[in-house]
Amino acid sequence: MKQKELTDLTNEELLQEAGKIKSGKIMDAAILGFLIGIAVYSAVKNGFGLLTFIPLIYVPIAAKNKLRHKEVEKLVKERGLR
């Protein structure tokens, strides 16, 4: 299923997306923290290796999520929903 463009969402759907932002930010932070923990442990235990660079794989995903969150907040503000 393909996601709709944010501008095509109804006001109710946009408010639902805005409600998901807080939990999305927490999940991104938790996943990134977990991956950094694995990288540090791996670097200390085995030296630099494949597991050391795993957080770099998730950074673009988190950045994309952050941009989407900003777009949703901008649209909510433009439409005067909050």
C-alpha atoms as a PDB file:
ATOM      1  CA  MET A   1       0.000   0.000   0.000  1.00  0.00           C
ATOM      2  CA  LYS A   2       1.423   3.348  -1.022  1.00  0.00           C
ATOM      3  CA  GLN A   3       1.243   6.256   1.388  1.00  0.00           C
ATOM      4  CA  LYS A   4      -0.813   9.242   0.347  1.00  0.00           C
ATOM      5  CA  GLU A   5       0.824  12.577  -0.190  1.00  0.00           C
ATOM      6  CA  LEU A   6       0.457  14.715   2.903  1.00  0.00           C
ATOM      7  CA  THR A   7      -1.348  17.465   1.017  1.00  0.00           C
ATOM      8  CA  ASP A   8      -3.983  14.935  -0.137  1.00  0.00           C
ATOM      9  CA  LEU A   9      -4.894  13.919   3.426  1.00  0.00           C
ATOM     10  CA  THR A  10      -8.134  15.063   4.983  1.00  0.00           C
ATOM     11  CA  ASN A  11      -8.027  17.069   8.201  1.00  0.00           C
ATOM     12  CA  GLU A  12      -8.867  13.988  10.281  1.00  0.00           C
ATOM     13  CA  GLU A  13      -6.164  11.890   8.626  1.00  0.00           C
ATOM     14  CA  LEU A  14      -3.656  14.698   9.088  1.00  0.00           C
ATOM     15  CA  LEU A  15      -4.483  14.930  12.784  1.00  0.00           C
ATOM     16  CA  GLN A  16      -3.990  11.165  13.096  1.00  0.00           C
ATOM     17  CA  GLU A  17      -0.565  11.494  11.468  1.00  0.00           C
ATOM     18  CA  ALA A  18       0.269  14.333  13.844  1.00  0.00           C
ATOM     19  CA  GLY A  19      -0.708  12.101  16.766  1.00  0.00           C
ATOM     20  CA  LYS A  20       1.785   9.468  15.614  1.00  0.00           C
ATOM     21  CA  ILE A  21       4.680  11.943  15.609  1.00  0.00           C
ATOM     22  CA  LYS A  22       5.533  11.696  19.304  1.00  0.00           C
ATOM     23  CA  SER A  23       5.676   7.901  19.325  1.00  0.00           C
ATOM     24  CA  GLY A  24       7.642   7.951  16.069  1.00  0.00           C
ATOM     25  CA  LYS A  25      10.261  10.254  17.553  1.00  0.00           C
ATOM     26  CA  ILE A  26      10.576   8.043  20.625  1.00  0.00           C
ATOM     27  CA  MET A  27      10.956   4.918  18.465  1.00  0.00           C
ATOM     28  CA  ASP A  28      13.618   6.556  16.291  1.00  0.00           C
ATOM     29  CA  ALA A  29      15.564   7.620  19.381  1.00  0.00           C
ATOM     30  CA  ALA A  30      15.252   4.173  20.968  1.00  0.00           C
ATOM     31  CA  ILE A  31      16.363   2.341  17.836  1.00  0.00           C
ATOM     32  CA  LEU A  32      19.268   4.698  17.252  1.00  0.00           C
ATOM     33  CA  GLY A  33      20.330   4.443  20.906  1.00  0.00           C
ATOM     34  CA  PHE A  34      20.163   0.663  20.760  1.00  0.00           C
ATOM     35  CA  LEU A  35      22.246   0.556  17.583  1.00  0.00           C
ATOM     36  CA  ILE A  36      24.816   2.942  19.047  1.00  0.00           C
ATOM     37  CA  GLY A  37      25.022   0.721  22.113  1.00  0.00           C
ATOM     38  CA  ILE A  38      25.686  -2.305  19.928  1.00  0.00           C
ATOM     39  CA  ALA A  39      28.337  -0.365  18.008  1.00  0.00           C
ATOM     40  CA  VAL A  40      30.124   0.748  21.181  1.00  0.00           C
ATOM     41  CA  TYR A  41      30.022  -2.732  22.663  1.00  0.00           C
ATOM     42  CA  SER A  42      31.319  -4.230  19.427  1.00  0.00           C
ATOM     43  CA  ALA A  43      34.112  -1.660  19.168  1.00  0.00           C
ATOM     44  CA  VAL A  44      35.214  -2.276  22.761  1.00  0.00           C
ATOM     45  CA  LYS A  45      34.944  -6.049  22.604  1.00  0.00           C
ATOM     46  CA  ASN A  46      36.180  -6.831  19.092  1.00  0.00           C
ATOM     47  CA  GLY A  47      37.635  -3.616  17.720  1.00  0.00           C
ATOM     48  CA  PHE A  48      36.226  -1.925  14.661  1.00  0.00           C
ATOM     49  CA  GLY A  49      34.145  -4.199  12.481  1.00  0.00           C
ATOM     50  CA  LEU A  50      30.840  -4.476  10.674  1.00  0.00           C
ATOM     51  CA  LEU A  51      28.695  -3.975  13.788  1.00  0.00           C
ATOM     52  CA  THR A  52      30.486  -0.734  14.568  1.00  0.00           C
ATOM     53  CA  PHE A  53      28.992   0.964  11.532  1.00  0.00           C
ATOM     54  CA  ILE A  54      25.406  -0.321  11.781  1.00  0.00           C
ATOM     55  CA  PRO A  55      24.035   2.983  13.192  1.00  0.00           C
ATOM     56  CA  LEU A  56      25.115   4.689   9.961  1.00  0.00           C
ATOM     57  CA  ILE A  57      22.579   2.558   8.111  1.00  0.00           C
ATOM     58  CA  TYR A  58      19.693   3.845  10.250  1.00  0.00           C
ATOM     59  CA  VAL A  59      20.621   7.551  10.202  1.00  0.00           C
ATOM     60  CA  PRO A  60      19.100   8.229   6.726  1.00  0.00           C
ATOM     61  CA  ILE A  61      15.886   6.477   7.763  1.00  0.00           C
ATOM     62  CA  ALA A  62      15.626   8.615  10.901  1.00  0.00           C
ATOM     63  CA  ALA A  63      16.357  11.753   8.873  1.00  0.00           C
ATOM     64  CA  LYS A  64      13.570  10.890   6.417  1.00  0.00           C
ATOM     65  CA  ASN A  65      11.163  10.355   9.309  1.00  0.00           C
ATOM     66  CA  LYS A  66      12.146  13.701  10.819  1.00  0.00           C
ATOM     67  CA  LEU A  67      11.458  15.512   7.534  1.00  0.00           C
ATOM     68  CA  ARG A  68       8.036  13.878   7.293  1.00  0.00           C
ATOM     69  CA  HIS A  69       7.250  14.915  10.881  1.00  0.00           C
ATOM     70  CA  LYS A  70       8.171  18.517  10.086  1.00  0.00           C
ATOM     71  CA  GLU A  71       5.955  18.481   6.986  1.00  0.00           C
ATOM     72  CA  VAL A  72       3.011  17.139   8.974  1.00  0.00           C
ATOM     73  CA  GLU A  73       3.460  19.774  11.687  1.00  0.00           C
ATOM     74  CA  LYS A  74       3.695  22.494   9.028  1.00  0.00           C
ATOM     75  CA  LEU A  75       0.472  21.358   7.329  1.00  0.00           C
ATOM     76  CA  VAL A  76      -1.368  21.128  10.646  1.00  0.00           C
ATOM     77  CA  LYS A  77      -0.308  24.669  11.458  1.00  0.00           C
ATOM     78  CA  GLU A  78      -1.245  25.954   7.965  1.00  0.00           C
ATOM     79  CA  ARG A  79      -4.705  24.427   8.190  1.00  0.00           C
ATOM     80  CA  GLY A  80      -5.181  25.803  11.726  1.00  0.00           C
ATOM     81  CA  LEU A  81      -6.048  22.410  13.207  1.00  0.00           C
ATOM     82  CA  ARG A  82      -4.287  22.965  16.541  1.00  0.00           C
END
